Amino acid sequence: MTPVVASVTYILAALSVALDVAIVIVIISIILRHGAGKPVFLFIARHGVLIAFIAAFASLGGSLFYSEFAGFVPCTLCWIQRVCMYPQIVLLGFTLRRYDAKLVLSSLILSGLGALVAGYNQYLQFGGNPLVPCGTGPGTVSCAQRFFVEFGYMTIPMMSLTAFALIGVALVAERIHRG
């Protein structure tokens, strides 16, 4: 890993850890939205689509950085995660211009599917037994291959899971607020 890739990886991993903490805080604020959690809930709810859009756009940048600049070949599960993430930039971009509950629901569904795939990918990268073969064909990368581990758990699939979770909780807060 080059020094630039290592530095960017460390920064992205640290940001992902901070976002993991923020996601827990947002979940607590959703639960306590009528009491102590109200200020945080209202902030997230009022800016949920923007937060989700930024997370999706940053994920696009991160995935392209790792595949195109760092040279990390995406595995099959990584491609599925990209399929779940990339369209959200368009969906959420349209929703920023004019709110559409159907587009928000589509984004929530894509985030849920992407989070499941990212969670499974993380499971494989930490030694889990595959339910189905992944990356066994010629020219493919094993879904269990880790390009790095930061802070003892942060990998590319965990960064992806963090982004999907952030999109999900931001949009859920926003939908609850809209009623």
N, C-alpha and C. Protein backbone atom coordinates (compact mmCIF):
# COMPACT_ATOMS: atom_id res chain seq x y z
N MET A 1 0.86 -1.16 0.00
CA MET A 1 0.00 0.00 0.00
C MET A 1 0.91 1.24 0.00
N THR A 2 0.64 2.15 -0.91
CA THR A 2 1.45 3.36 -1.00
C THR A 2 1.14 4.27 0.19
N PRO A 3 2.02 5.22 0.49
CA PRO A 3 1.76 6.14 1.60
C PRO A 3 0.47 6.96 1.41
N VAL A 4 0.17 7.34 0.17
CA VAL A 4 -1.06 8.10 -0.08
C VAL A 4 -2.28 7.23 0.22
N VAL A 5 -2.28 6.00 -0.27
CA VAL A 5 -3.40 5.09 -0.03
C VAL A 5 -3.53 4.80 1.47
N ALA A 6 -2.40 4.61 2.14
CA ALA A 6 -2.43 4.34 3.58
C ALA A 6 -2.99 5.54 4.34
N SER A 7 -2.60 6.74 3.95
CA SER A 7 -3.10 7.95 4.63
C SER A 7 -4.59 8.14 4.40
N VAL A 8 -5.02 8.00 3.16
CA VAL A 8 -6.45 8.14 2.85
C VAL A 8 -7.25 7.07 3.57
N THR A 9 -6.72 5.85 3.60
CA THR A 9 -7.40 4.75 4.29
C THR A 9 -7.56 5.06 5.77
N TYR A 10 -6.52 5.56 6.40
CA TYR A 10 -6.60 5.90 7.82
C TYR A 10 -7.65 6.99 8.06
N ILE A 11 -7.66 8.00 7.22
CA ILE A 11 -8.64 9.09 7.37
C ILE A 11 -10.06 8.57 7.17
N LEU A 12 -10.27 7.78 6.12
CA LEU A 12 -11.62 7.23 5.87
C LEU A 12 -12.05 6.28 6.98
N ALA A 13 -11.12 5.50 7.49
CA ALA A 13 -11.45 4.58 8.58
C ALA A 13 -11.81 5.35 9.84
N ALA A 14 -11.04 6.38 10.16
CA ALA A 14 -11.34 7.19 11.35
C ALA A 14 -12.70 7.88 11.20
N LEU A 15 -12.98 8.40 10.01
CA LEU A 15 -14.28 9.03 9.76
C LEU A 15 -15.39 8.00 9.90
N SER A 16 -15.18 6.80 9.42
CA SER A 16 -16.19 5.74 9.53
C SER A 16 -16.45 5.36 10.98
N VAL A 17 -15.40 5.30 11.78
CA VAL A 17 -15.58 5.01 13.21
C VAL A 17 -16.41 6.12 13.86
N ALA A 18 -16.09 7.37 13.54
CA ALA A 18 -16.86 8.50 14.08
C ALA A 18 -18.32 8.42 13.63
N LEU A 19 -18.55 8.03 12.38
CA LEU A 19 -19.92 7.89 11.89
C LEU A 19 -20.64 6.72 12.55
N ASP A 20 -19.91 5.65 12.88
CA ASP A 20 -20.53 4.55 13.62
C ASP A 20 -21.07 5.05 14.96
N VAL A 21 -20.29 5.87 15.64
CA VAL A 21 -20.73 6.47 16.91
C VAL A 21 -21.93 7.39 16.66
N ALA A 22 -21.85 8.20 15.61
CA ALA A 22 -22.94 9.12 15.28
C ALA A 22 -24.23 8.36 14.98
N ILE A 23 -24.12 7.22 14.29
CA ILE A 23 -25.31 6.42 13.97
C ILE A 23 -25.99 5.95 15.25
N VAL A 24 -25.20 5.50 16.22
CA VAL A 24 -25.77 5.09 17.50
C VAL A 24 -26.47 6.27 18.17
N ILE A 25 -25.86 7.44 18.13
CA ILE A 25 -26.47 8.64 18.72
C ILE A 25 -27.78 8.98 18.01
N VAL A 26 -27.80 8.86 16.69
CA VAL A 26 -29.02 9.15 15.94
C VAL A 26 -30.11 8.15 16.28
N ILE A 27 -29.75 6.87 16.40
CA ILE A 27 -30.75 5.86 16.77
C ILE A 27 -31.33 6.17 18.14
N ILE A 28 -30.48 6.54 19.08
CA ILE A 28 -30.96 6.91 20.42
C ILE A 28 -31.85 8.15 20.33
N SER A 29 -31.47 9.12 19.49
CA SER A 29 -32.29 10.33 19.36
C SER A 29 -33.65 10.03 18.74
N ILE A 30 -33.71 9.05 17.85
CA ILE A 30 -35.00 8.65 17.27
C ILE A 30 -35.87 8.05 18.36
N ILE A 31 -35.28 7.20 19.20
CA ILE A 31 -36.03 6.58 20.29
C ILE A 31 -36.50 7.63 21.29
N LEU A 32 -35.64 8.60 21.59
CA LEU A 32 -35.94 9.63 22.59
C LEU A 32 -36.38 10.94 21.95
N ARG A 33 -36.98 10.90 20.77
CA ARG A 33 -37.28 12.11 20.01
C ARG A 33 -38.26 13.07 20.69
N HIS A 34 -38.99 12.61 21.68
CA HIS A 34 -39.92 13.49 22.38
C HIS A 34 -39.33 14.01 23.68
N GLY A 35 -38.10 13.64 23.97
CA GLY A 35 -37.45 14.06 25.22
C GLY A 35 -36.06 14.59 24.96
N ALA A 36 -35.10 13.98 25.61
CA ALA A 36 -33.71 14.45 25.56
C ALA A 36 -33.11 14.37 24.16
N GLY A 37 -33.60 13.49 23.33
CA GLY A 37 -33.04 13.34 21.98
C GLY A 37 -33.61 14.27 20.94
N LYS A 38 -34.55 15.13 21.35
CA LYS A 38 -35.27 15.96 20.39
C LYS A 38 -34.36 16.86 19.54
N PRO A 39 -33.39 17.59 20.11
CA PRO A 39 -32.56 18.47 19.27
C PRO A 39 -31.79 17.72 18.18
N VAL A 40 -31.19 16.60 18.55
CA VAL A 40 -30.43 15.81 17.56
C VAL A 40 -31.39 15.24 16.52
N PHE A 41 -32.51 14.70 16.99
CA PHE A 41 -33.50 14.13 16.08
C PHE A 41 -33.98 15.18 15.07
N LEU A 42 -34.32 16.36 15.55
CA LEU A 42 -34.82 17.40 14.65
C LEU A 42 -33.77 17.81 13.62
N PHE A 43 -32.53 17.91 14.05
CA PHE A 43 -31.47 18.27 13.10
C PHE A 43 -31.34 17.22 12.01
N ILE A 44 -31.25 15.96 12.42
CA ILE A 44 -31.10 14.86 11.45
C ILE A 44 -32.35 14.77 10.58
N ALA A 45 -33.51 14.89 11.17
CA ALA A 45 -34.77 14.77 10.42
C ALA A 45 -34.90 15.87 9.38
N ARG A 46 -34.50 17.08 9.72
CA ARG A 46 -34.61 18.21 8.78
C ARG A 46 -33.60 18.12 7.64
N HIS A 47 -32.50 17.43 7.88
CA HIS A 47 -31.44 17.35 6.87
C HIS A 47 -31.18 15.91 6.43
N GLY A 48 -32.14 15.02 6.67
CA GLY A 48 -31.94 13.60 6.39
C GLY A 48 -31.59 13.28 4.95
N VAL A 49 -32.29 13.88 4.01
CA VAL A 49 -32.02 13.59 2.60
C VAL A 49 -30.63 14.11 2.21
N LEU A 50 -30.27 15.30 2.68
CA LEU A 50 -28.95 15.85 2.39
C LEU A 50 -27.85 14.98 2.99
N ILE A 51 -28.02 14.56 4.23
CA ILE A 51 -27.04 13.69 4.88
C ILE A 51 -26.89 12.39 4.10
N ALA A 52 -28.01 11.82 3.69
CA ALA A 52 -27.99 10.57 2.92
C ALA A 52 -27.30 10.78 1.57
N PHE A 53 -27.59 11.89 0.92
CA PHE A 53 -26.97 12.19 -0.37
C PHE A 53 -25.46 12.32 -0.23
N ILE A 54 -25.01 13.04 0.79
CA ILE A 54 -23.57 13.21 1.02
C ILE A 54 -22.91 11.86 1.28
N ALA A 55 -23.57 11.01 2.07
CA ALA A 55 -23.02 9.67 2.36
C ALA A 55 -22.90 8.84 1.09
N ALA A 56 -23.94 8.89 0.24
CA ALA A 56 -23.90 8.12 -1.01
C ALA A 56 -22.82 8.66 -1.94
N PHE A 57 -22.71 9.97 -2.04
CA PHE A 57 -21.72 10.59 -2.92
C PHE A 57 -20.30 10.29 -2.43
N ALA A 58 -20.09 10.37 -1.11
CA ALA A 58 -18.78 10.05 -0.53
C ALA A 58 -18.44 8.58 -0.76
N SER A 59 -19.43 7.71 -0.69
CA SER A 59 -19.21 6.28 -0.95
C SER A 59 -18.78 6.04 -2.39
N LEU A 60 -19.39 6.76 -3.31
CA LEU A 60 -18.97 6.67 -4.70
C LEU A 60 -17.49 7.04 -4.82
N GLY A 61 -17.12 8.16 -4.21
CA GLY A 61 -15.73 8.59 -4.26
C GLY A 61 -14.79 7.59 -3.63
N GLY A 62 -15.18 7.06 -2.47
CA GLY A 62 -14.34 6.08 -1.78
C GLY A 62 -14.16 4.80 -2.59
N SER A 63 -15.26 4.30 -3.14
CA SER A 63 -15.15 3.04 -3.90
C SER A 63 -14.31 3.23 -5.16
N LEU A 64 -14.47 4.37 -5.81
CA LEU A 64 -13.66 4.63 -7.00
C LEU A 64 -12.19 4.88 -6.64
N PHE A 65 -11.94 5.50 -5.50
CA PHE A 65 -10.56 5.69 -5.04
C PHE A 65 -9.88 4.33 -4.87
N TYR A 66 -10.56 3.41 -4.19
CA TYR A 66 -9.94 2.12 -3.94
C TYR A 66 -9.78 1.28 -5.20
N SER A 67 -10.73 1.33 -6.12
CA SER A 67 -10.60 0.50 -7.31
C SER A 67 -9.72 1.15 -8.39
N GLU A 68 -9.86 2.45 -8.58
CA GLU A 68 -9.16 3.10 -9.69
C GLU A 68 -7.80 3.66 -9.30
N PHE A 69 -7.64 4.18 -8.10
CA PHE A 69 -6.37 4.78 -7.67
C PHE A 69 -5.50 3.77 -6.93
N ALA A 70 -6.09 3.10 -5.94
CA ALA A 70 -5.32 2.15 -5.13
C ALA A 70 -5.11 0.83 -5.86
N GLY A 71 -5.97 0.54 -6.84
CA GLY A 71 -5.82 -0.70 -7.60
C GLY A 71 -6.41 -1.92 -6.93
N PHE A 72 -7.29 -1.74 -5.93
CA PHE A 72 -7.94 -2.86 -5.27
C PHE A 72 -9.07 -3.35 -6.18
N VAL A 73 -9.00 -4.59 -6.59
CA VAL A 73 -10.02 -5.15 -7.47
C VAL A 73 -11.25 -5.50 -6.64
N PRO A 74 -12.42 -4.95 -7.02
CA PRO A 74 -13.64 -5.25 -6.24
C PRO A 74 -14.07 -6.71 -6.41
N CYS A 75 -14.50 -7.31 -5.30
CA CYS A 75 -15.03 -8.67 -5.36
C CYS A 75 -16.50 -8.61 -5.81
N THR A 76 -17.09 -9.76 -5.96
CA THR A 76 -18.50 -9.84 -6.38
C THR A 76 -19.41 -9.10 -5.41
N LEU A 77 -19.21 -9.29 -4.11
CA LEU A 77 -20.06 -8.62 -3.12
C LEU A 77 -19.85 -7.11 -3.14
N CYS A 78 -18.63 -6.68 -3.44
CA CYS A 78 -18.37 -5.24 -3.56
C CYS A 78 -19.16 -4.65 -4.73
N TRP A 79 -19.23 -5.39 -5.83
CA TRP A 79 -20.01 -4.92 -6.97
C TRP A 79 -21.49 -4.83 -6.62
N ILE A 80 -21.98 -5.79 -5.87
CA ILE A 80 -23.39 -5.75 -5.47
C ILE A 80 -23.64 -4.53 -4.57
N GLN A 81 -22.70 -4.24 -3.67
CA GLN A 81 -22.84 -3.06 -2.82
C GLN A 81 -22.85 -1.79 -3.67
N ARG A 82 -22.01 -1.74 -4.68
CA ARG A 82 -22.01 -0.57 -5.58
C ARG A 82 -23.35 -0.44 -6.31
N VAL A 83 -23.92 -1.56 -6.72
CA VAL A 83 -25.22 -1.53 -7.39
C VAL A 83 -26.28 -0.97 -6.46
N CYS A 84 -26.15 -1.22 -5.17
CA CYS A 84 -27.10 -0.70 -4.19
C CYS A 84 -26.81 0.76 -3.82
N MET A 85 -25.57 1.20 -3.96
CA MET A 85 -25.20 2.56 -3.54
C MET A 85 -25.31 3.58 -4.67
N TYR A 86 -24.75 3.29 -5.82
CA TYR A 86 -24.64 4.30 -6.88
C TYR A 86 -25.98 4.91 -7.30
N PRO A 87 -27.05 4.12 -7.48
CA PRO A 87 -28.32 4.74 -7.89
C PRO A 87 -28.87 5.72 -6.85
N GLN A 88 -28.44 5.55 -5.60
CA GLN A 88 -28.96 6.43 -4.55
C GLN A 88 -28.53 7.88 -4.76
N ILE A 89 -27.40 8.09 -5.40
CA ILE A 89 -26.97 9.45 -5.69
C ILE A 89 -28.02 10.14 -6.56
N VAL A 90 -28.52 9.45 -7.55
CA VAL A 90 -29.54 10.00 -8.43
C VAL A 90 -30.87 10.14 -7.69
N LEU A 91 -31.29 9.08 -7.00
CA LEU A 91 -32.56 9.11 -6.27
C LEU A 91 -32.59 10.25 -5.25
N LEU A 92 -31.52 10.34 -4.46
CA LEU A 92 -31.47 11.36 -3.41
C LEU A 92 -31.23 12.75 -3.99
N GLY A 93 -30.52 12.82 -5.10
CA GLY A 93 -30.33 14.10 -5.78
C GLY A 93 -31.66 14.67 -6.25
N PHE A 94 -32.50 13.83 -6.87
CA PHE A 94 -33.83 14.28 -7.28
C PHE A 94 -34.66 14.67 -6.07
N THR A 95 -34.54 13.89 -4.99
CA THR A 95 -35.32 14.16 -3.78
C THR A 95 -34.89 15.47 -3.12
N LEU A 96 -33.62 15.83 -3.25
CA LEU A 96 -33.17 17.14 -2.72
C LEU A 96 -33.85 18.28 -3.46
N ARG A 97 -34.06 18.10 -4.76
CA ARG A 97 -34.71 19.16 -5.55
C ARG A 97 -36.21 19.22 -5.28
N ARG A 98 -36.83 18.06 -5.19
CA ARG A 98 -38.28 17.99 -4.93
C ARG A 98 -38.55 16.69 -4.18
N TYR A 99 -39.02 16.83 -2.96
CA TYR A 99 -39.22 15.66 -2.10
C TYR A 99 -40.18 14.68 -2.74
N ASP A 100 -39.78 13.40 -2.73
CA ASP A 100 -40.61 12.33 -3.26
C ASP A 100 -40.48 11.13 -2.33
N ALA A 101 -41.55 10.81 -1.62
CA ALA A 101 -41.53 9.72 -0.65
C ALA A 101 -41.21 8.38 -1.30
N LYS A 102 -41.60 8.17 -2.56
CA LYS A 102 -41.32 6.91 -3.24
C LYS A 102 -39.81 6.76 -3.49
N LEU A 103 -39.15 7.85 -3.83
CA LEU A 103 -37.71 7.79 -4.03
C LEU A 103 -36.98 7.54 -2.72
N VAL A 104 -37.49 8.13 -1.64
CA VAL A 104 -36.90 7.89 -0.32
C VAL A 104 -37.08 6.43 0.07
N LEU A 105 -38.25 5.88 -0.17
CA LEU A 105 -38.49 4.47 0.11
C LEU A 105 -37.56 3.58 -0.72
N SER A 106 -37.38 3.92 -1.99
CA SER A 106 -36.46 3.16 -2.84
C SER A 106 -35.04 3.20 -2.28
N SER A 107 -34.64 4.36 -1.82
CA SER A 107 -33.31 4.51 -1.23
C SER A 107 -33.18 3.68 0.05
N LEU A 108 -34.22 3.68 0.86
CA LEU A 108 -34.21 2.87 2.08
C LEU A 108 -34.09 1.38 1.76
N ILE A 109 -34.79 0.93 0.74
CA ILE A 109 -34.72 -0.47 0.34
C ILE A 109 -33.32 -0.81 -0.16
N LEU A 110 -32.76 0.04 -1.00
CA LEU A 110 -31.40 -0.19 -1.50
C LEU A 110 -30.39 -0.19 -0.36
N SER A 111 -30.58 0.71 0.62
CA SER A 111 -29.68 0.75 1.77
C SER A 111 -29.78 -0.51 2.61
N GLY A 112 -30.99 -1.00 2.79
CA GLY A 112 -31.17 -2.23 3.55
C GLY A 112 -30.50 -3.41 2.87
N LEU A 113 -30.71 -3.54 1.57
CA LEU A 113 -30.07 -4.63 0.82
C LEU A 113 -28.55 -4.49 0.84
N GLY A 114 -28.08 -3.28 0.61
CA GLY A 114 -26.64 -3.03 0.62
C GLY A 114 -26.02 -3.32 1.97
N ALA A 115 -26.72 -2.94 3.04
CA ALA A 115 -26.21 -3.20 4.39
C ALA A 115 -26.12 -4.71 4.65
N LEU A 116 -27.10 -5.45 4.20
CA LEU A 116 -27.05 -6.91 4.37
C LEU A 116 -25.85 -7.52 3.64
N VAL A 117 -25.62 -7.08 2.41
CA VAL A 117 -24.50 -7.59 1.63
C VAL A 117 -23.17 -7.17 2.27
N ALA A 118 -23.08 -5.91 2.71
CA ALA A 118 -21.86 -5.42 3.35
C ALA A 118 -21.59 -6.17 4.66
N GLY A 119 -22.64 -6.42 5.42
CA GLY A 119 -22.49 -7.18 6.66
C GLY A 119 -22.00 -8.60 6.40
N TYR A 120 -22.56 -9.23 5.38
CA TYR A 120 -22.12 -10.58 5.00
C TYR A 120 -20.67 -10.56 4.52
N ASN A 121 -20.31 -9.53 3.73
CA ASN A 121 -18.94 -9.38 3.25
C ASN A 121 -17.96 -9.21 4.42
N GLN A 122 -18.37 -8.41 5.40
CA GLN A 122 -17.53 -8.22 6.61
C GLN A 122 -17.38 -9.54 7.35
N TYR A 123 -18.47 -10.28 7.46
CA TYR A 123 -18.45 -11.60 8.11
C TYR A 123 -17.43 -12.51 7.41
N LEU A 124 -17.44 -12.53 6.09
CA LEU A 124 -16.49 -13.36 5.34
C LEU A 124 -15.06 -12.90 5.57
N GLN A 125 -14.86 -11.59 5.65
CA GLN A 125 -13.50 -11.08 5.80
C GLN A 125 -12.91 -11.36 7.17
N PHE A 126 -13.75 -11.69 8.12
CA PHE A 126 -13.24 -12.04 9.44
C PHE A 126 -13.37 -13.52 9.73
N GLY A 127 -13.37 -14.34 8.65
CA GLY A 127 -13.27 -15.78 8.79
C GLY A 127 -14.56 -16.56 8.78
N GLY A 128 -15.68 -15.91 8.47
CA GLY A 128 -16.95 -16.63 8.42
C GLY A 128 -16.99 -17.62 7.27
N ASN A 129 -17.75 -18.68 7.46
CA ASN A 129 -17.92 -19.68 6.40
C ASN A 129 -18.88 -19.16 5.35
N PRO A 130 -18.49 -19.19 4.08
CA PRO A 130 -19.37 -18.67 3.03
C PRO A 130 -20.61 -19.54 2.85
N LEU A 131 -21.75 -18.88 2.69
CA LEU A 131 -22.99 -19.59 2.40
C LEU A 131 -23.04 -19.99 0.94
N VAL A 132 -22.45 -19.16 0.09
CA VAL A 132 -22.32 -19.43 -1.34
C VAL A 132 -20.90 -19.06 -1.75
N PRO A 133 -20.36 -19.73 -2.77
CA PRO A 133 -19.00 -19.39 -3.19
C PRO A 133 -18.94 -17.95 -3.71
N CYS A 134 -17.85 -17.28 -3.42
CA CYS A 134 -17.69 -15.90 -3.86
C CYS A 134 -16.27 -15.71 -4.34
N GLY A 135 -16.13 -15.20 -5.55
CA GLY A 135 -14.81 -14.92 -6.07
C GLY A 135 -13.99 -16.14 -6.38
N THR A 136 -14.64 -17.18 -6.91
CA THR A 136 -13.90 -18.42 -7.17
C THR A 136 -13.55 -18.58 -8.64
N GLY A 137 -14.04 -17.71 -9.50
CA GLY A 137 -13.77 -17.84 -10.93
C GLY A 137 -12.44 -17.21 -11.31
N PRO A 138 -12.02 -17.46 -12.55
CA PRO A 138 -10.75 -16.88 -13.00
C PRO A 138 -10.84 -15.35 -13.06
N GLY A 139 -9.79 -14.69 -12.60
CA GLY A 139 -9.74 -13.23 -12.64
C GLY A 139 -10.58 -12.55 -11.59
N THR A 140 -11.15 -13.30 -10.65
CA THR A 140 -11.97 -12.69 -9.61
C THR A 140 -11.18 -12.64 -8.30
N VAL A 141 -11.65 -11.80 -7.42
CA VAL A 141 -11.03 -11.63 -6.11
C VAL A 141 -11.93 -12.30 -5.09
N SER A 142 -11.33 -12.96 -4.12
CA SER A 142 -12.11 -13.58 -3.05
C SER A 142 -12.80 -12.50 -2.22
N CYS A 143 -14.04 -12.75 -1.90
CA CYS A 143 -14.79 -11.81 -1.06
C CYS A 143 -14.26 -11.77 0.37
N ALA A 144 -13.44 -12.74 0.72
CA ALA A 144 -12.85 -12.79 2.05
C ALA A 144 -11.51 -12.04 2.12
N GLN A 145 -11.00 -11.59 0.98
CA GLN A 145 -9.72 -10.88 0.97
C GLN A 145 -9.86 -9.50 1.61
N ARG A 146 -8.98 -9.25 2.58
CA ARG A 146 -8.95 -7.94 3.23
C ARG A 146 -7.76 -7.16 2.68
N PHE A 147 -8.03 -5.96 2.20
CA PHE A 147 -6.96 -5.10 1.73
C PHE A 147 -6.32 -4.35 2.89
N PHE A 148 -7.09 -4.15 3.95
CA PHE A 148 -6.59 -3.50 5.16
C PHE A 148 -7.58 -3.74 6.28
N VAL A 149 -7.11 -3.57 7.51
CA VAL A 149 -7.96 -3.54 8.70
C VAL A 149 -7.43 -2.40 9.56
N GLU A 150 -8.28 -1.43 9.84
CA GLU A 150 -7.92 -0.32 10.71
C GLU A 150 -8.75 -0.41 11.98
N PHE A 151 -8.17 -0.05 13.09
CA PHE A 151 -8.84 -0.03 14.39
C PHE A 151 -9.43 -1.38 14.77
N GLY A 152 -8.87 -2.45 14.22
CA GLY A 152 -9.27 -3.80 14.59
C GLY A 152 -10.52 -4.32 13.91
N TYR A 153 -11.26 -3.46 13.18
CA TYR A 153 -12.48 -3.96 12.53
C TYR A 153 -12.85 -3.22 11.24
N MET A 154 -12.24 -2.08 10.99
CA MET A 154 -12.67 -1.26 9.85
C MET A 154 -12.01 -1.76 8.56
N THR A 155 -12.85 -2.28 7.67
CA THR A 155 -12.45 -2.75 6.35
C THR A 155 -13.30 -2.02 5.32
N ILE A 156 -13.07 -2.29 4.06
CA ILE A 156 -13.90 -1.67 3.03
C ILE A 156 -15.38 -2.06 3.21
N PRO A 157 -15.72 -3.33 3.43
CA PRO A 157 -17.14 -3.65 3.64
C PRO A 157 -17.74 -2.96 4.88
N MET A 158 -16.93 -2.76 5.93
CA MET A 158 -17.44 -2.09 7.12
C MET A 158 -17.69 -0.62 6.83
N MET A 159 -16.83 0.00 6.01
CA MET A 159 -17.07 1.39 5.60
C MET A 159 -18.37 1.47 4.81
N SER A 160 -18.58 0.49 3.95
CA SER A 160 -19.82 0.43 3.17
C SER A 160 -21.03 0.25 4.07
N LEU A 161 -20.93 -0.66 5.03
CA LEU A 161 -22.02 -0.88 5.98
C LEU A 161 -22.33 0.40 6.75
N THR A 162 -21.28 1.13 7.15
CA THR A 162 -21.47 2.40 7.85
C THR A 162 -22.25 3.38 6.98
N ALA A 163 -21.87 3.48 5.71
CA ALA A 163 -22.57 4.42 4.81
C ALA A 163 -24.03 4.02 4.63
N PHE A 164 -24.29 2.73 4.41
CA PHE A 164 -25.67 2.28 4.25
C PHE A 164 -26.48 2.54 5.53
N ALA A 165 -25.88 2.30 6.68
CA ALA A 165 -26.58 2.54 7.95
C ALA A 165 -26.86 4.03 8.15
N LEU A 166 -25.88 4.87 7.82
CA LEU A 166 -26.09 6.32 7.95
C LEU A 166 -27.22 6.79 7.05
N ILE A 167 -27.22 6.33 5.81
CA ILE A 167 -28.31 6.69 4.89
C ILE A 167 -29.64 6.23 5.47
N GLY A 168 -29.66 5.00 5.95
CA GLY A 168 -30.90 4.45 6.50
C GLY A 168 -31.43 5.23 7.69
N VAL A 169 -30.58 5.50 8.68
CA VAL A 169 -31.09 6.19 9.87
C VAL A 169 -31.45 7.63 9.57
N ALA A 170 -30.70 8.28 8.68
CA ALA A 170 -31.03 9.67 8.32
C ALA A 170 -32.39 9.74 7.63
N LEU A 171 -32.65 8.80 6.72
CA LEU A 171 -33.92 8.81 6.01
C LEU A 171 -35.08 8.36 6.89
N VAL A 172 -34.84 7.44 7.81
CA VAL A 172 -35.88 7.04 8.75
C VAL A 172 -36.27 8.22 9.64
N ALA A 173 -35.27 8.93 10.15
CA ALA A 173 -35.55 10.11 10.99
C ALA A 173 -36.35 11.13 10.18
N GLU A 174 -35.96 11.34 8.96
CA GLU A 174 -36.66 12.31 8.10
C GLU A 174 -38.09 11.88 7.84
N ARG A 175 -38.30 10.61 7.58
CA ARG A 175 -39.67 10.12 7.33
C ARG A 175 -40.54 10.19 8.58
N ILE A 176 -39.97 9.88 9.74
CA ILE A 176 -40.73 9.99 10.99
C ILE A 176 -41.15 11.44 11.20
N HIS A 177 -40.24 12.35 10.96
CA HIS A 177 -40.52 13.78 11.16
C HIS A 177 -41.62 14.28 10.22
N ARG A 178 -41.60 13.80 8.98
CA ARG A 178 -42.62 14.22 8.01
C ARG A 178 -43.98 13.59 8.31
N GLY A 179 -43.95 12.49 9.09
CA GLY A 179 -45.20 11.84 9.47
C GLY A 179 -45.61 10.84 8.51
